[in-house]
Amino acid sequence: QVQLVESGGGLVQPGGSLRLSCAASGEVSTIYRMGWYRQSPGNQRESVAHITNVGTTDYADSVKGRFTISRDSTKGTMYLQMNGLRPEDTAVYYCNGNRPGYCSGSKCYDAHDYWGQGTQVTVSS
């Protein structure tokens, strides 16, 4: 099992910055890829950025050049540095950890997604 706890959300003016953190605990070594997702009222949850345990990153087009994802494996923590925030970035941001499927002996397990409880980011003047 893996537990994920987000922090760092808040209210910021357009053009401002925030840094979100996701603290992972438990069987963190089983996680291959971590990421940030967001969901605003009336919309589906959407992918924001991902990072693998070898440092490969990818970003949604809407945040490229403004957001930076990083991971400190020694602390089991992932970050999302958000610069140039816009009102349309307003959402609840969720931390995700993906454990790949694997087999142990004769038993195989499906891939599994872990989620944090979310942190609210509001961009408004």
Foldseek 3Di string as FASTA:
>chain_A
DKAKAKDWADEAAAQAKIKMKIAMDDPLVQFFKKFKWWDDPPDDIGGAKMAGPVGDIDGDPVQPPFWDWDADVVRRMIMIIGGRDDQVVWTWMKMKTKGDWDDDVPDTDHIDIDIHPTDTHGYHD
